[in-house]
Amino acid sequence: MPEGITHAELRRLTGAMLRRGQRVFSFTYHSSSLMPGGTPYVTSEADLIAFLDRIERYVDYFFGELSGEAMTPAEIKAQLQSG
């Protein structure tokens, strides 16, 4: 998800999804993006630093400002079944 878009775009997308009632979010990326040159999104060490910063800023936003919670798929399933 953080590949190819800015932090501001990640925030806008999350906000729009929340306003539409979305309550389960998945944050994923290609593991090869952690190796400069592994994807077109991270081609240099500077790109990697920016990529990791974008992830950290989004995680801070999600868990801080939005009070998001981390859950495993099994925990999500159990919560949905109980409610």
C-alpha atoms as a PDB file:
ATOM      1  CA  MET A   1       0.000   0.000   0.000  1.00  0.00           C
ATOM      2  CA  PRO A   2       2.696   2.611   0.689  1.00  0.00           C
ATOM      3  CA  GLU A   3       4.298   1.993  -2.682  1.00  0.00           C
ATOM      4  CA  GLY A   4       3.781   4.625  -5.318  1.00  0.00           C
ATOM      5  CA  ILE A   5       1.724   7.089  -3.247  1.00  0.00           C
ATOM      6  CA  THR A   6       2.518   9.834  -0.761  1.00  0.00           C
ATOM      7  CA  HIS A   7       1.817   9.979   2.967  1.00  0.00           C
ATOM      8  CA  ALA A   8      -0.845  12.615   2.335  1.00  0.00           C
ATOM      9  CA  GLU A   9      -2.525  10.311  -0.190  1.00  0.00           C
ATOM     10  CA  LEU A  10      -2.447   7.420   2.304  1.00  0.00           C
ATOM     11  CA  ARG A  11      -4.161   9.633   4.880  1.00  0.00           C
ATOM     12  CA  ARG A  12      -6.786  10.847   2.408  1.00  0.00           C
ATOM     13  CA  LEU A  13      -7.527   7.304   1.279  1.00  0.00           C
ATOM     14  CA  THR A  14      -7.859   6.076   4.861  1.00  0.00           C
ATOM     15  CA  GLY A  15     -10.126   9.002   5.756  1.00  0.00           C
ATOM     16  CA  ALA A  16     -12.357   8.385   2.746  1.00  0.00           C
ATOM     17  CA  MET A  17     -12.614   4.689   3.576  1.00  0.00           C
ATOM     18  CA  LEU A  18     -13.490   5.468   7.209  1.00  0.00           C
ATOM     19  CA  ARG A  19     -16.211   7.907   6.113  1.00  0.00           C
ATOM     20  CA  ARG A  20     -17.675   5.116   3.963  1.00  0.00           C
ATOM     21  CA  GLY A  21     -17.798   2.802   6.976  1.00  0.00           C
ATOM     22  CA  GLN A  22     -14.696   0.698   6.381  1.00  0.00           C
ATOM     23  CA  ARG A  23     -13.369  -0.611   9.689  1.00  0.00           C
ATOM     24  CA  VAL A  24     -10.829  -3.277   8.686  1.00  0.00           C
ATOM     25  CA  PHE A  25      -7.622  -2.125   7.005  1.00  0.00           C
ATOM     26  CA  SER A  26      -4.690  -4.104   5.692  1.00  0.00           C
ATOM     27  CA  PHE A  27      -1.285  -2.467   5.274  1.00  0.00           C
ATOM     28  CA  THR A  28       0.963  -4.449   2.967  1.00  0.00           C
ATOM     29  CA  TYR A  29       3.915  -3.922   0.673  1.00  0.00           C
ATOM     30  CA  HIS A  30       6.219  -6.004  -1.466  1.00  0.00           C
ATOM     31  CA  SER A  31       9.118  -7.263   0.653  1.00  0.00           C
ATOM     32  CA  SER A  32      11.393  -6.643  -2.319  1.00  0.00           C
ATOM     33  CA  SER A  33      10.770  -2.912  -1.822  1.00  0.00           C
ATOM     34  CA  LEU A  34      13.049  -3.137   1.210  1.00  0.00           C
ATOM     35  CA  MET A  35      15.972  -3.789  -1.138  1.00  0.00           C
ATOM     36  CA  PRO A  36      16.948  -0.828  -3.331  1.00  0.00           C
ATOM     37  CA  GLY A  37      16.447  -1.897  -6.940  1.00  0.00           C
ATOM     38  CA  GLY A  38      14.042  -4.676  -5.963  1.00  0.00           C
ATOM     39  CA  THR A  39      11.012  -2.756  -7.252  1.00  0.00           C
ATOM     40  CA  PRO A  40      10.468   0.379  -9.331  1.00  0.00           C
ATOM     41  CA  TYR A  41       9.269   2.120  -6.148  1.00  0.00           C
ATOM     42  CA  VAL A  42      12.592   1.866  -4.293  1.00  0.00           C
ATOM     43  CA  THR A  43      15.519   2.239  -6.648  1.00  0.00           C
ATOM     44  CA  SER A  44      18.095   3.785  -4.314  1.00  0.00           C
ATOM     45  CA  GLU A  45      19.098   4.037  -0.676  1.00  0.00           C
ATOM     46  CA  ALA A  46      17.415   7.470  -0.559  1.00  0.00           C
ATOM     47  CA  ASP A  47      14.190   5.902  -1.873  1.00  0.00           C
ATOM     48  CA  LEU A  48      14.399   3.236   0.838  1.00  0.00           C
ATOM     49  CA  ILE A  49      14.795   5.845   3.560  1.00  0.00           C
ATOM     50  CA  ALA A  50      11.790   7.748   2.193  1.00  0.00           C
ATOM     51  CA  PHE A  51       9.771   4.523   1.896  1.00  0.00           C
ATOM     52  CA  LEU A  52      10.486   3.515   5.500  1.00  0.00           C
ATOM     53  CA  ASP A  53       9.693   7.046   6.672  1.00  0.00           C
ATOM     54  CA  ARG A  54       6.355   6.932   4.836  1.00  0.00           C
ATOM     55  CA  ILE A  55       5.516   3.629   6.562  1.00  0.00           C
ATOM     56  CA  GLU A  56       6.503   4.980   9.982  1.00  0.00           C
ATOM     57  CA  ARG A  57       4.497   8.175   9.511  1.00  0.00           C
ATOM     58  CA  TYR A  58       1.423   6.240   8.422  1.00  0.00           C
ATOM     59  CA  VAL A  59       1.686   3.779  11.321  1.00  0.00           C
ATOM     60  CA  ASP A  60       2.009   6.728  13.730  1.00  0.00           C
ATOM     61  CA  TYR A  61      -1.087   8.316  12.143  1.00  0.00           C
ATOM     62  CA  PHE A  62      -3.137   5.107  12.166  1.00  0.00           C
ATOM     63  CA  PHE A  63      -2.365   4.024  15.726  1.00  0.00           C
ATOM     64  CA  GLY A  64      -2.076   7.559  17.129  1.00  0.00           C
ATOM     65  CA  GLU A  65      -4.598   9.915  15.546  1.00  0.00           C
ATOM     66  CA  LEU A  66      -7.088   7.218  14.570  1.00  0.00           C
ATOM     67  CA  SER A  67      -6.558   4.965  17.606  1.00  0.00           C
ATOM     68  CA  GLY A  68      -6.298   1.999  15.230  1.00  0.00           C
ATOM     69  CA  GLU A  69      -5.777  -1.484  16.596  1.00  0.00           C
ATOM     70  CA  ALA A  70      -3.626  -4.316  15.274  1.00  0.00           C
ATOM     71  CA  MET A  71      -5.345  -7.690  14.949  1.00  0.00           C
ATOM     72  CA  THR A  72      -4.632 -11.030  13.364  1.00  0.00           C
ATOM     73  CA  PRO A  73      -7.087 -12.387  10.790  1.00  0.00           C
ATOM     74  CA  ALA A  74      -8.323 -14.864  13.420  1.00  0.00           C
ATOM     75  CA  GLU A  75      -8.975 -12.033  15.878  1.00  0.00           C
ATOM     76  CA  ILE A  76     -10.896 -10.073  13.243  1.00  0.00           C
ATOM     77  CA  LYS A  77     -13.000 -13.147  12.449  1.00  0.00           C
ATOM     78  CA  ALA A  78     -13.760 -13.758  16.129  1.00  0.00           C
ATOM     79  CA  GLN A  79     -14.731 -10.133  16.653  1.00  0.00           C
ATOM     80  CA  LEU A  80     -17.027 -10.141  13.625  1.00  0.00           C
ATOM     81  CA  GLN A  81     -18.671 -13.388  14.732  1.00  0.00           C
ATOM     82  CA  SER A  82     -19.282 -12.103  18.266  1.00  0.00           C
ATOM     83  CA  GLY A  83     -20.814  -8.816  17.212  1.00  0.00           C
END
